[in-house]
Protein backbone atom coordinates (compact mmCIF):
# COMPACT_ATOMS: atom_id res chain seq x y z
CA MET A 1 -13.96 161.91 203.90
CA PHE A 2 -16.73 161.40 201.14
CA VAL A 3 -17.93 158.02 201.93
CA THR A 4 -18.40 159.02 205.63
CA SER A 5 -20.57 162.77 204.49
CA GLY A 6 -22.44 159.71 201.96
CA HIS A 7 -23.32 157.42 205.17
CA ARG A 8 -24.21 160.78 207.15
CA HIS A 9 -26.22 161.57 204.89
CA HIS A 10 -28.67 157.65 204.08
CA ARG A 11 -29.42 157.93 208.15
CA PRO A 12 -32.83 160.74 206.84
CA PRO A 13 -34.62 158.13 204.68
CA SER A 14 -34.78 155.83 207.84
CA LEU A 15 -36.04 158.58 210.05
CA ALA A 16 -38.75 159.05 207.22
CA ARG A 17 -39.38 156.19 207.56
CA LYS A 18 -40.01 156.22 211.68
CA SER A 19 -42.04 159.36 211.52
CA ARG A 20 -44.57 157.72 208.38
CA CYS A 21 -44.86 155.25 211.10
CA ARG A 22 -45.54 157.28 213.57
CA SER A 23 -48.60 159.03 211.79
CA GLU A 24 -50.08 155.80 210.69
CA SER A 25 -50.48 154.76 214.05
CA SER A 26 -51.84 158.40 214.83
CA GLU A 27 -54.21 158.31 211.93
CA SER A 28 -55.24 154.39 212.72
CA ALA A 29 -56.30 155.60 215.72
CA ALA A 30 -57.92 158.59 215.04
CA ALA A 31 -60.04 157.03 212.87
CA TRP A 32 -60.25 154.46 215.79
CA LYS A 33 -62.42 157.37 217.52
CA THR A 34 -63.58 158.68 214.67
CA VAL A 35 -67.71 157.88 214.29
CA HIS A 36 -69.62 156.72 211.17
CA PRO A 37 -71.44 159.08 209.50
CA LYS A 38 -74.68 156.90 209.52
CA ARG A 39 -74.14 156.13 213.23
CA LEU A 40 -74.56 160.00 213.88
CA ASN A 41 -77.70 160.50 211.64
CA GLN A 42 -79.22 157.68 213.50
CA LEU A 43 -78.32 158.79 217.26
CA HIS A 44 -79.82 162.21 215.71
CA SER A 45 -82.94 161.10 214.06
CA GLN A 46 -83.59 159.23 217.81
CA TYR A 47 -82.84 162.32 219.67
CA SER A 48 -85.45 164.01 217.47
CA SER A 49 -88.12 161.46 217.80
CA ALA A 50 -87.84 160.87 221.70
CA THR A 51 -88.62 164.74 221.58
CA ALA A 52 -91.09 164.22 219.12
CA THR A 53 -93.05 161.64 221.43
CA ASN A 54 -92.51 163.19 224.45
CA GLU A 55 -94.31 166.68 222.99
CA GLU A 56 -96.77 165.47 221.92
CA LEU A 57 -97.26 162.63 225.19
CA LEU A 58 -97.73 166.96 226.67
CA ARG A 59 -99.84 167.32 224.47
CA LEU A 60 -102.31 164.17 225.10
CA VAL A 61 -101.48 165.02 229.21
CA LEU A 62 -102.81 168.74 228.55
CA LYS A 63 -105.82 167.57 226.56
CA GLN A 64 -107.05 165.78 228.71
CA GLY A 65 -106.99 167.06 231.75
CA GLU A 66 -108.77 169.92 229.80
CA VAL A 67 -111.56 167.70 229.50
CA ILE A 68 -111.41 166.04 232.81
CA ARG A 69 -111.95 169.36 234.21
CA LYS A 70 -115.48 170.22 232.06
CA GLN A 71 -116.86 166.83 232.99
CA LEU A 72 -116.19 167.92 236.66
CA LYS A 73 -117.50 170.84 235.93
CA LYS A 74 -120.61 169.33 234.55
CA LEU A 75 -120.93 166.96 237.18
CA ARG A 76 -121.08 169.71 239.90
CA HIS A 77 -123.59 171.41 237.64
CA SER A 78 -125.62 168.19 237.57
CA GLU A 79 -126.25 167.89 241.24
CA HIS A 80 -126.53 171.37 241.86
CA GLN A 81 -129.70 170.71 239.57
CA ILE A 82 -130.45 167.18 241.80
CA GLY A 83 -130.38 168.98 244.95
CA TYR A 84 -132.52 171.97 244.05
CA LEU A 85 -134.99 169.33 242.85
CA GLU A 86 -134.59 167.62 245.85
CA ASP A 87 -135.18 171.02 248.10
CA LYS A 88 -138.54 171.57 245.41
CA THR A 89 -140.55 168.36 245.96
CA HIS A 90 -140.24 168.50 249.84
CA ARG A 91 -140.86 172.13 249.72
CA ALA A 92 -144.09 170.95 247.87
CA ARG A 93 -145.01 167.99 250.34
CA VAL A 94 -144.45 170.03 253.42
CA LYS A 95 -147.03 172.93 251.22
CA LYS A 96 -150.04 169.94 250.59
CA HIS A 97 -149.24 167.95 253.85
CA GLY A 98 -147.34 169.71 256.41
CA SER A 99 -144.03 169.06 257.92
CA ASN A 100 -145.06 165.97 259.94
CA TYR A 101 -146.30 163.84 256.67
CA LEU A 102 -143.50 161.62 257.06
CA LEU A 103 -144.62 160.85 260.40
CA GLU A 104 -148.15 160.17 259.19
CA THR A 105 -146.36 157.78 256.77
CA TYR A 106 -144.87 156.02 259.71
CA LEU A 107 -148.33 155.58 261.89
CA LYS A 108 -150.36 154.54 258.92
CA GLY A 109 -147.63 151.85 258.71
CA LEU A 110 -148.75 151.03 262.58
CA SER A 111 -152.29 150.79 261.99
CA ASP A 112 -152.35 148.46 259.15
CA ALA A 113 -149.99 146.48 261.63
CA VAL A 114 -152.23 146.76 264.73
CA ASP A 115 -155.51 146.10 262.67
CA PRO A 116 -155.88 142.48 262.63
CA GLU A 117 -154.98 142.48 266.03
CA ALA A 118 -157.89 143.72 266.72
CA ASP A 119 -160.42 142.21 265.05
CA SER A 120 -159.12 138.65 266.62
CA SER A 121 -159.49 140.08 269.70
CA LEU A 122 -163.32 140.89 268.27
CA ALA A 123 -163.70 137.26 267.29
CA VAL A 124 -162.63 135.43 270.40
CA ASP A 125 -165.12 137.60 272.57
CA LYS A 126 -167.87 136.89 269.78
CA ASN A 127 -166.85 132.60 269.89
CA SER A 128 -166.60 133.05 273.51
CA ASP A 129 -170.52 134.15 273.71
CA SER A 130 -173.80 131.18 273.05
CA GLY A 131 -174.95 133.77 269.65
CA VAL A 132 -177.43 135.33 272.55
CA MET A 133 -176.75 138.86 273.40
CA THR A 134 -178.40 140.48 276.60
CA GLU A 135 -177.87 143.84 278.31
CA GLY A 136 -176.45 142.12 281.43
CA ASP A 137 -174.02 139.86 279.65
CA SER A 138 -173.09 143.33 277.77
CA GLU A 139 -173.12 146.09 280.45
CA GLN A 140 -170.78 142.59 281.84
CA SER A 141 -169.21 142.44 279.13
CA HIS A 142 -167.91 146.23 278.89
CA ASN A 143 -167.69 146.35 283.09
CA ASN A 144 -165.22 143.27 282.61
CA ASN A 145 -163.03 144.72 279.75
CA PRO A 146 -161.99 148.38 280.39
CA LYS A 147 -158.80 147.23 277.85
CA ILE A 148 -160.47 146.50 274.96
CA THR A 149 -162.70 149.48 275.18
CA LYS A 150 -159.77 151.80 274.90
CA ASN A 151 -158.22 149.82 272.11
CA THR A 152 -160.83 150.41 270.44
CA LYS A 153 -161.13 154.38 271.20
CA THR A 154 -157.10 154.53 269.67
CA LEU A 155 -158.04 152.29 266.77
CA GLU A 156 -161.10 154.21 265.30
CA ARG A 157 -158.78 157.29 266.29
CA LEU A 158 -156.20 155.63 264.24
CA SER A 159 -159.12 154.72 261.76
CA LEU A 160 -159.81 158.58 261.26
CA SER A 161 -156.74 159.52 261.05
CA SER A 162 -155.90 157.31 258.37
CA GLU A 163 -158.76 158.11 256.18
CA GLU A 164 -157.21 161.13 255.71
CA PHE A 165 -153.78 160.62 255.59
CA GLY A 166 -155.55 158.20 252.14
CA LYS A 167 -157.13 161.05 251.39
CA ASP A 168 -153.90 163.43 251.54
CA LEU A 169 -152.19 160.16 249.66
CA LYS A 170 -154.89 160.68 246.68
CA ASP A 171 -153.54 164.01 246.38
CA ASP A 172 -150.28 162.82 245.91
CA ASP A 173 -151.51 160.27 243.56
CA THR A 174 -152.93 163.24 241.91
CA SER A 175 -150.02 165.33 242.88
CA SER A 176 -147.03 162.58 241.92
CA THR A 177 -149.00 162.04 238.01
CA VAL A 178 -147.54 165.79 237.81
CA SER A 179 -144.04 165.45 239.02
CA GLU A 180 -143.66 162.05 236.84
CA ALA A 181 -141.88 164.50 234.05
CA THR A 182 -139.58 165.90 237.26
CA VAL A 183 -139.22 162.06 238.06
CA ARG A 184 -137.67 160.98 234.28
CA GLU A 185 -135.63 164.63 234.47
CA GLN A 186 -134.41 163.15 237.49
CA LEU A 187 -133.11 159.41 236.62
CA GLU A 188 -132.10 161.24 233.01
CA LEU A 189 -129.73 162.85 234.96
CA TYR A 190 -128.25 160.15 237.47
CA GLU A 191 -127.94 158.04 234.13
CA LYS A 192 -125.95 160.73 232.67
CA ILE A 193 -124.20 160.98 235.77
CA THR A 194 -123.20 157.20 235.59
CA LYS A 195 -121.94 157.86 232.03
CA VAL A 196 -119.69 160.53 233.47
CA ASN A 197 -119.11 158.60 236.26
CA LYS A 198 -118.03 155.26 233.87
CA ARG A 199 -116.10 157.85 231.35
CA LEU A 200 -114.36 159.44 234.64
CA LEU A 201 -112.63 155.88 235.63
CA LYS A 202 -111.56 155.37 232.07
CA GLU A 203 -110.27 158.10 231.83
CA GLU A 204 -108.59 158.28 235.14
CA GLU A 205 -107.20 154.52 234.31
CA ALA A 206 -106.38 155.99 231.07
CA LEU A 207 -103.86 159.17 233.43
CA VAL A 208 -102.77 156.23 235.30
CA ARG A 209 -101.41 154.29 232.09
CA LEU A 210 -100.17 158.13 231.06
CA ASP A 211 -98.62 158.42 234.52
CA VAL A 212 -96.32 155.24 233.77
CA ASN A 213 -95.70 156.14 230.37
CA ILE A 214 -94.44 159.76 232.03
CA ARG A 215 -92.34 158.16 234.39
CA LYS A 216 -90.88 155.96 231.20
CA TYR A 217 -90.58 158.59 229.29
CA GLU A 218 -87.93 160.17 232.36
CA LYS A 219 -86.45 157.26 232.69
CA ASN A 220 -85.89 157.59 229.05
CA LYS A 221 -84.88 161.04 229.11
CA GLU A 222 -81.83 160.14 231.82
CA GLY A 223 -80.71 157.70 228.99
CA THR A 224 -81.25 160.59 225.85
CA GLU A 225 -79.46 162.84 228.51
CA GLU A 226 -76.46 160.85 228.88
CA VAL A 227 -76.43 159.98 224.58
CA SER A 228 -76.81 163.72 224.29
CA LYS A 229 -73.70 163.47 226.84
CA ALA A 230 -71.70 161.28 224.76
CA LEU A 231 -72.57 163.03 221.43
CA ASN A 232 -71.34 165.89 223.02
CA LYS A 233 -68.10 164.29 223.99
CA LEU A 234 -67.68 162.97 220.62
CA ARG A 235 -68.15 166.00 219.16
CA THR A 236 -65.53 167.41 220.97
CA ASP A 237 -62.95 164.39 220.03
CA MET A 238 -63.81 164.49 216.45
CA THR A 239 -62.79 168.61 216.31
CA LYS A 240 -60.07 167.18 218.12
CA SER A 241 -58.57 164.84 216.14
CA ALA A 242 -59.64 167.39 213.08
CA CYS A 243 -57.66 169.50 214.09
CA GLU A 244 -54.60 166.75 215.50
CA MET A 245 -54.87 165.45 211.37
CA GLN A 246 -54.73 169.27 210.37
CA HIS A 247 -51.94 169.68 212.35
CA ASN A 248 -50.07 166.20 211.03
CA GLU A 249 -50.90 167.26 207.20
CA ILE A 250 -49.08 170.39 207.64
CA VAL A 251 -45.71 168.63 209.84
CA LEU A 252 -45.43 165.83 207.09
CA GLU A 253 -45.78 168.57 204.64
CA GLU A 254 -42.59 170.32 205.79
CA ILE A 255 -41.18 167.02 206.56
CA VAL A 256 -42.03 165.82 202.45
CA GLU A 257 -40.24 169.54 201.92
CA LYS A 258 -37.05 169.08 204.29
CA LEU A 259 -36.55 164.85 202.53
CA GLU A 260 -37.06 166.23 198.85
CA SER A 261 -34.44 169.43 199.82
CA ARG A 262 -31.78 166.92 201.30
CA ARG A 263 -32.08 164.15 198.67
CA LEU A 264 -31.88 166.83 195.89
CA TYR A 265 -28.02 167.68 198.48
CA LEU A 266 -27.58 164.14 198.75
CA ASP A 267 -28.30 163.59 194.29
CA ASN A 268 -25.80 166.84 194.26
CA LEU A 269 -23.65 164.81 196.67
CA TYR A 270 -23.46 161.83 194.37
CA ARG A 271 -22.59 163.74 190.83
CA ASP A 272 -19.85 165.50 192.78
CA ILE A 273 -18.59 161.72 193.92
CA ALA A 274 -18.59 160.37 190.49
CA ASN A 275 -17.07 163.22 188.73
CA GLU A 276 -14.11 163.16 191.52
CA ASP A 277 -13.66 159.12 190.98
CA LYS A 278 -13.63 159.93 187.28
CA GLU A 279 -11.28 162.49 187.47
CA TYR A 280 -9.24 160.80 189.95
CA GLU A 281 -9.50 157.78 187.50
CA MET A 282 -7.91 160.24 185.26
CA LEU A 283 -5.36 161.69 187.11
CA GLN A 284 -3.76 157.55 187.75
CA ALA A 285 -4.18 156.94 184.89
CA LEU A 286 -2.15 159.91 183.39
CA LEU A 287 0.34 159.47 186.34
CA PHE A 288 0.96 155.86 185.00
CA SER A 289 1.13 157.34 181.35
CA LYS A 290 4.05 159.69 182.77
CA ALA A 291 5.50 157.05 184.53
CA GLN A 292 5.62 154.73 182.05
CA GLN A 293 7.42 158.30 179.61
CA ALA A 294 9.56 158.40 182.46
CA SER A 295 10.43 155.25 182.27
CA GLU A 296 11.42 154.98 179.11
CA TYR A 297 12.81 157.74 179.02
CA GLU A 298 15.20 157.84 181.72
CA SER A 299 16.25 154.63 180.22
CA ARG A 300 16.93 156.51 177.65
CA ARG A 301 18.71 159.34 179.88
CA TYR A 302 18.74 160.14 183.27
CA ARG A 303 17.43 163.68 183.23
CA PRO A 304 16.13 164.70 187.11
CA PRO A 305 15.01 168.26 185.71
CA GLN A 306 11.89 166.78 183.79
CA LEU A 307 11.07 164.51 186.87
CA TYR A 308 10.46 167.49 188.48
CA GLN A 309 8.64 169.20 186.19
CA THR A 310 6.50 166.32 185.78
CA LYS A 311 5.78 166.54 188.95
CA GLU A 312 5.01 170.14 189.00
CA LEU A 313 2.75 169.81 185.94
CA LEU A 314 0.58 167.06 188.32
CA ASP A 315 0.23 169.20 191.18
CA THR A 316 -1.39 171.51 188.58
CA LEU A 317 -3.67 169.33 187.48
CA VAL A 318 -4.71 168.11 190.61
């Protein structure tokens, strides 16, 4: 009875070892799933730096958009001023020279082109004669060459118109000295426009670069979103593992308490067994001594009632 009960009570330590192994395996699995706090801080700093760079890029884009709008307004204003000045100069020339001053300049160019031909034709006619002119010759020349007379008339008309146009040009030159300031202003405006155009080209290049950077940022944003999702998953896993660890700690404490109670119970059983073994040895010694006494007494005298008394004594002791 005592041996079997002892073996039964020795089984719980093996169960405790199994539970300890399971708890250690669960702790190792939870530690494998967890992330180091330095790594978490690095991921958080990367995410915050990415958001800061994104905000800076957006601010730069907004500022450059405002600058471009201002420059476009300035360009429109300068174009309006240039058109106004051109219209003003055109009206002034129309008032001075008439609405056909462009045609007159064209006719002046034609007269310059026609004059050398007329001079050459006259030289040929002079060289054809001997150098002495008579009345008959003059009449014949006039009668034989009506085309020359017509050309001379047209040349005279053109020469008169050219002289008048020369006077007009002189007047225009005098007025041009007055309008030099306006021309200089126009040149300055054109130079400013070229500078603004160069700036616009540079800003367009910068905008293209910003567009490329924004696209890269959008790609990086997708990566940051994935990282944030992974961080959220890790946080949920960390919370779950922490809850599991707390639950396991509570279960382990309960198991330890049960093991301690069973250990105390086993200690008490071992004590009881040791006491019973001592009593058994004492009883055996008493029985042996009584048997010796009985054998001695029987050898002396056979007394059966006394044997019954010794048995009763042994029963009472047990």
